[in-house]
Amino acid sequence: MSVILSDMQTVTTRDIQRETRTVRQRLLAGETLQWILGKKVIGHIVPSQEAATSQPWPNLQRRLQQVYRRPVGKKQPAASQVYADRG
């Protein structure tokens, strides 16, 4: 990939075909890329607004407590209960 007298990075069709992962990672990082054919710019590849904003992780502990209606992780393991019941 190359740079042409600007901050915008350029990619060729070959770069997109052979280095898809790198191009995708750059888009996810928020870079805008120029797609060139020879010396002519044929398009711009811009990151999606949806990809640029990340969602916070949900509170899984609270969600478990809502589903099971009891405190999670406070009881003894099930195996201990089985061994105690066997006597």
Protein backbone atom coordinates (compact mmCIF):
# COMPACT_ATOMS: atom_id res chain seq x y z
CA MET A 1 0.00 0.00 0.00
CA SER A 2 1.25 3.45 -0.78
CA VAL A 3 0.85 7.08 0.14
CA ILE A 4 0.30 9.84 -2.45
CA LEU A 5 1.08 13.34 -1.08
CA SER A 6 -1.81 13.27 1.36
CA ASP A 7 -2.78 11.69 4.63
CA MET A 8 -5.25 9.38 2.88
CA GLN A 9 -3.81 5.92 2.27
CA THR A 10 -4.28 4.26 -1.11
CA VAL A 11 -5.02 0.65 -1.99
CA THR A 12 -5.01 -1.15 -5.30
CA THR A 13 -7.29 -3.94 -6.48
CA ARG A 14 -4.44 -6.37 -5.85
CA ASP A 15 -4.09 -5.09 -2.25
CA ILE A 16 -7.80 -5.65 -1.68
CA GLN A 17 -7.62 -9.17 -3.12
CA ARG A 18 -4.41 -10.31 -1.43
CA GLU A 19 -4.43 -8.28 1.81
CA THR A 20 -8.12 -8.26 2.65
CA ARG A 21 -7.50 -8.72 6.37
CA THR A 22 -5.16 -5.71 6.50
CA VAL A 23 -7.61 -3.53 4.57
CA ARG A 24 -10.47 -4.62 6.85
CA GLN A 25 -8.42 -3.88 10.00
CA ARG A 26 -7.57 -0.42 8.70
CA LEU A 27 -11.24 0.30 7.98
CA LEU A 28 -12.21 -0.91 11.46
CA ALA A 29 -9.56 1.44 12.85
CA GLY A 30 -11.39 4.31 11.15
CA GLU A 31 -9.12 4.97 8.15
CA THR A 32 -10.52 6.19 4.84
CA LEU A 33 -8.77 4.58 1.87
CA GLN A 34 -8.44 5.66 -1.77
CA TRP A 35 -8.86 2.88 -4.31
CA ILE A 36 -6.55 3.51 -7.26
CA LEU A 37 -6.22 1.96 -10.71
CA GLY A 38 -2.87 2.90 -12.16
CA LYS A 39 -2.52 6.57 -11.21
CA LYS A 40 -6.24 7.31 -11.23
CA VAL A 41 -8.41 7.32 -8.10
CA ILE A 42 -11.50 5.23 -8.87
CA GLY A 43 -13.14 5.30 -5.47
CA HIS A 44 -13.02 5.89 -1.75
CA ILE A 45 -13.53 3.18 0.84
CA VAL A 46 -14.85 4.68 4.05
CA PRO A 47 -15.55 2.93 7.36
CA SER A 48 -19.16 2.39 8.31
CA GLN A 49 -20.51 4.55 11.12
CA GLU A 50 -21.82 1.39 12.78
CA ALA A 51 -18.35 -0.14 12.89
CA ALA A 52 -16.85 3.04 14.34
CA THR A 53 -19.07 3.00 17.43
CA SER A 54 -18.68 0.15 19.86
CA GLN A 55 -21.32 -0.98 22.30
CA PRO A 56 -20.44 -1.46 25.98
CA TRP A 57 -20.53 -4.99 27.36
CA PRO A 58 -23.72 -5.88 29.21
CA ASN A 59 -23.64 -6.64 32.92
CA LEU A 60 -23.78 -10.43 32.67
CA GLN A 61 -23.78 -10.99 36.43
CA ARG A 62 -26.92 -8.87 36.81
CA ARG A 63 -28.54 -10.60 33.85
CA LEU A 64 -27.92 -14.03 35.45
CA GLN A 65 -29.43 -12.86 38.71
CA GLN A 66 -32.52 -11.63 36.87
CA VAL A 67 -32.92 -14.95 35.05
CA TYR A 68 -32.36 -17.25 38.05
CA ARG A 69 -33.80 -14.90 40.72
CA ARG A 70 -31.07 -15.78 43.19
CA PRO A 71 -27.51 -14.68 43.87
CA VAL A 72 -25.09 -16.34 41.46
CA GLY A 73 -21.76 -17.71 42.63
CA LYS A 74 -22.53 -17.69 46.36
CA LYS A 75 -23.40 -21.39 46.76
CA GLN A 76 -21.12 -24.36 46.92
CA PRO A 77 -20.37 -26.25 43.71
CA ALA A 78 -22.88 -28.89 42.61
CA ALA A 79 -20.27 -31.64 42.97
CA SER A 80 -19.90 -30.84 46.68
CA GLN A 81 -23.65 -31.19 47.13
CA VAL A 82 -23.64 -34.58 45.33
CA TYR A 83 -20.80 -35.87 47.54
CA ALA A 84 -22.61 -34.64 50.67
CA ASP A 85 -25.84 -36.37 49.62
CA ARG A 86 -24.06 -39.68 48.99
CA GLY A 87 -22.88 -39.72 52.58
